[in-house]
Amino acid sequence: MDDNIFRSLDIDRINIDEYYEVEYWSKQFGLRPEVFKNLIIETGITSAEKLKTYLHNFYGENVA
């Protein structure tokens, strides 16, 4: 089966067990990796779009 199919289905999901995903997404959101990982653990949000909405609602306009 083609790996690209699975990647495209999960492109918006954040897997905090993969260090490169934590590095990538923490940079996208402008957070330190430790802070980002704790945020995911505390909120349970694994969707990048939902996390962006959460941060926007919590912190306002100045979110990535």
N, C-alpha and C. Protein backbone atom coordinates (compact mmCIF):
# COMPACT_ATOMS: atom_id res chain seq x y z
N MET A 1 0.85 -1.18 0.00
CA MET A 1 0.00 0.00 0.00
C MET A 1 0.89 1.24 0.00
N ASP A 2 0.44 2.28 -0.61
CA ASP A 2 1.20 3.51 -0.76
C ASP A 2 1.21 4.32 0.55
N ASP A 3 2.42 4.60 1.08
CA ASP A 3 2.54 5.37 2.33
C ASP A 3 2.00 6.78 2.18
N ASN A 4 2.04 7.35 1.00
CA ASN A 4 1.55 8.71 0.79
C ASN A 4 0.06 8.84 1.05
N ILE A 5 -0.67 7.78 0.84
CA ILE A 5 -2.11 7.80 1.12
C ILE A 5 -2.34 8.01 2.61
N PHE A 6 -1.61 7.26 3.44
CA PHE A 6 -1.78 7.39 4.88
C PHE A 6 -1.30 8.75 5.38
N ARG A 7 -0.21 9.24 4.83
CA ARG A 7 0.30 10.54 5.24
C ARG A 7 -0.70 11.64 4.91
N SER A 8 -1.32 11.57 3.76
CA SER A 8 -2.26 12.62 3.38
C SER A 8 -3.51 12.60 4.24
N LEU A 9 -3.91 11.45 4.74
CA LEU A 9 -5.08 11.36 5.60
C LEU A 9 -4.79 11.93 7.00
N ASP A 10 -3.53 11.88 7.41
CA ASP A 10 -3.17 12.27 8.77
C ASP A 10 -2.33 13.54 8.83
N ILE A 11 -2.33 14.31 7.78
CA ILE A 11 -1.43 15.47 7.71
C ILE A 11 -1.75 16.53 8.77
N ASP A 12 -2.97 16.59 9.24
CA ASP A 12 -3.36 17.60 10.22
C ASP A 12 -3.24 17.09 11.66
N ARG A 13 -2.86 15.84 11.84
CA ARG A 13 -2.76 15.26 13.18
C ARG A 13 -1.35 15.40 13.73
N ILE A 14 -1.29 15.66 15.01
CA ILE A 14 0.00 15.84 15.69
C ILE A 14 0.26 14.60 16.55
N ASN A 15 1.40 13.98 16.31
CA ASN A 15 1.81 12.81 17.09
C ASN A 15 2.97 13.23 17.98
N ILE A 16 2.72 13.43 19.27
CA ILE A 16 3.76 13.92 20.17
C ILE A 16 4.78 12.85 20.52
N ASP A 17 4.55 11.61 20.07
CA ASP A 17 5.53 10.56 20.29
C ASP A 17 6.64 10.58 19.25
N GLU A 18 6.47 11.38 18.21
CA GLU A 18 7.49 11.53 17.18
C GLU A 18 8.19 12.88 17.37
N TYR A 19 9.49 12.84 17.69
CA TYR A 19 10.22 14.07 18.01
C TYR A 19 10.17 15.08 16.86
N TYR A 20 10.23 14.60 15.60
CA TYR A 20 10.23 15.52 14.47
C TYR A 20 8.90 16.23 14.31
N GLU A 21 7.81 15.59 14.71
CA GLU A 21 6.51 16.25 14.66
C GLU A 21 6.41 17.32 15.74
N VAL A 22 6.92 17.01 16.93
CA VAL A 22 6.93 17.99 18.01
C VAL A 22 7.78 19.19 17.60
N GLU A 23 8.94 18.94 17.01
CA GLU A 23 9.81 20.03 16.54
C GLU A 23 9.10 20.87 15.48
N TYR A 24 8.52 20.20 14.50
CA TYR A 24 7.85 20.92 13.40
C TYR A 24 6.67 21.75 13.90
N TRP A 25 5.76 21.10 14.63
CA TRP A 25 4.53 21.80 15.05
C TRP A 25 4.82 22.87 16.10
N SER A 26 5.79 22.63 16.98
CA SER A 26 6.10 23.66 17.97
C SER A 26 6.63 24.92 17.28
N LYS A 27 7.41 24.75 16.22
CA LYS A 27 7.88 25.90 15.45
C LYS A 27 6.72 26.59 14.75
N GLN A 28 5.78 25.81 14.22
CA GLN A 28 4.63 26.39 13.53
C GLN A 28 3.79 27.26 14.47
N PHE A 29 3.71 26.85 15.72
CA PHE A 29 2.90 27.58 16.69
C PHE A 29 3.72 28.56 17.53
N GLY A 30 5.01 28.60 17.31
CA GLY A 30 5.87 29.54 18.03
C GLY A 30 6.04 29.22 19.50
N LEU A 31 6.06 27.93 19.82
CA LEU A 31 6.21 27.50 21.20
C LEU A 31 7.46 26.64 21.36
N ARG A 32 8.01 26.62 22.55
CA ARG A 32 9.10 25.70 22.83
C ARG A 32 8.55 24.27 22.79
N PRO A 33 9.34 23.31 22.32
CA PRO A 33 8.85 21.93 22.22
C PRO A 33 8.26 21.37 23.50
N GLU A 34 8.88 21.68 24.66
CA GLU A 34 8.35 21.16 25.94
C GLU A 34 6.98 21.75 26.24
N VAL A 35 6.83 23.04 25.99
CA VAL A 35 5.56 23.72 26.23
C VAL A 35 4.50 23.17 25.28
N PHE A 36 4.88 23.00 24.03
CA PHE A 36 3.95 22.48 23.02
C PHE A 36 3.47 21.09 23.40
N LYS A 37 4.40 20.22 23.76
CA LYS A 37 4.03 18.84 24.12
C LYS A 37 3.11 18.82 25.33
N ASN A 38 3.41 19.64 26.33
CA ASN A 38 2.53 19.71 27.51
C ASN A 38 1.15 20.24 27.16
N LEU A 39 1.08 21.18 26.23
CA LEU A 39 -0.21 21.71 25.79
C LEU A 39 -1.05 20.61 25.15
N ILE A 40 -0.43 19.80 24.32
CA ILE A 40 -1.16 18.69 23.68
C ILE A 40 -1.64 17.70 24.74
N ILE A 41 -0.78 17.38 25.68
CA ILE A 41 -1.15 16.44 26.74
C ILE A 41 -2.30 16.99 27.58
N GLU A 42 -2.22 18.26 27.96
CA GLU A 42 -3.24 18.87 28.82
C GLU A 42 -4.59 19.03 28.12
N THR A 43 -4.56 19.42 26.85
CA THR A 43 -5.82 19.67 26.14
C THR A 43 -6.37 18.43 25.46
N GLY A 44 -5.50 17.50 25.10
CA GLY A 44 -5.93 16.31 24.36
C GLY A 44 -6.20 16.60 22.89
N ILE A 45 -5.89 17.80 22.44
CA ILE A 45 -6.12 18.18 21.05
C ILE A 45 -4.95 17.68 20.21
N THR A 46 -5.25 16.89 19.18
CA THR A 46 -4.20 16.40 18.28
C THR A 46 -4.36 16.90 16.86
N SER A 47 -5.36 17.71 16.63
CA SER A 47 -5.58 18.31 15.32
C SER A 47 -4.91 19.69 15.29
N ALA A 48 -4.07 19.91 14.29
CA ALA A 48 -3.38 21.19 14.19
C ALA A 48 -4.38 22.34 14.03
N GLU A 49 -5.41 22.13 13.25
CA GLU A 49 -6.41 23.19 13.02
C GLU A 49 -7.19 23.49 14.31
N LYS A 50 -7.58 22.44 15.03
CA LYS A 50 -8.30 22.65 16.29
C LYS A 50 -7.40 23.30 17.34
N LEU A 51 -6.12 22.94 17.33
CA LEU A 51 -5.19 23.55 18.27
C LEU A 51 -5.01 25.03 17.95
N LYS A 52 -4.95 25.35 16.68
CA LYS A 52 -4.84 26.76 16.27
C LYS A 52 -6.06 27.54 16.75
N THR A 53 -7.24 26.97 16.60
CA THR A 53 -8.47 27.61 17.06
C THR A 53 -8.46 27.77 18.58
N TYR A 54 -8.03 26.73 19.28
CA TYR A 54 -7.95 26.79 20.74
C TYR A 54 -7.03 27.91 21.19
N LEU A 55 -5.84 27.97 20.60
CA LEU A 55 -4.88 29.01 20.98
C LEU A 55 -5.39 30.40 20.63
N HIS A 56 -6.05 30.50 19.49
CA HIS A 56 -6.63 31.80 19.08
C HIS A 56 -7.68 32.25 20.09
N ASN A 57 -8.54 31.33 20.51
CA ASN A 57 -9.58 31.68 21.48
C ASN A 57 -8.99 32.01 22.85
N PHE A 58 -7.92 31.32 23.20
CA PHE A 58 -7.32 31.50 24.52
C PHE A 58 -6.41 32.73 24.58
N TYR A 59 -5.61 32.94 23.51
CA TYR A 59 -4.62 34.01 23.51
C TYR A 59 -4.94 35.18 22.60
N GLY A 60 -5.91 35.03 21.73
CA GLY A 60 -6.30 36.12 20.85
C GLY A 60 -5.63 36.09 19.49
N GLU A 61 -5.54 37.23 18.87
CA GLU A 61 -5.11 37.39 17.49
C GLU A 61 -3.66 37.02 17.22
N ASN A 62 -2.78 37.06 18.20
CA ASN A 62 -1.34 36.90 17.98
C ASN A 62 -0.86 35.46 17.95
N VAL A 63 -1.68 34.57 17.43
CA VAL A 63 -1.32 33.16 17.35
C VAL A 63 -1.05 32.81 15.90
N ALA A 64 -0.06 31.95 15.69
CA ALA A 64 0.34 31.54 14.33
C ALA A 64 -0.81 31.00 13.52
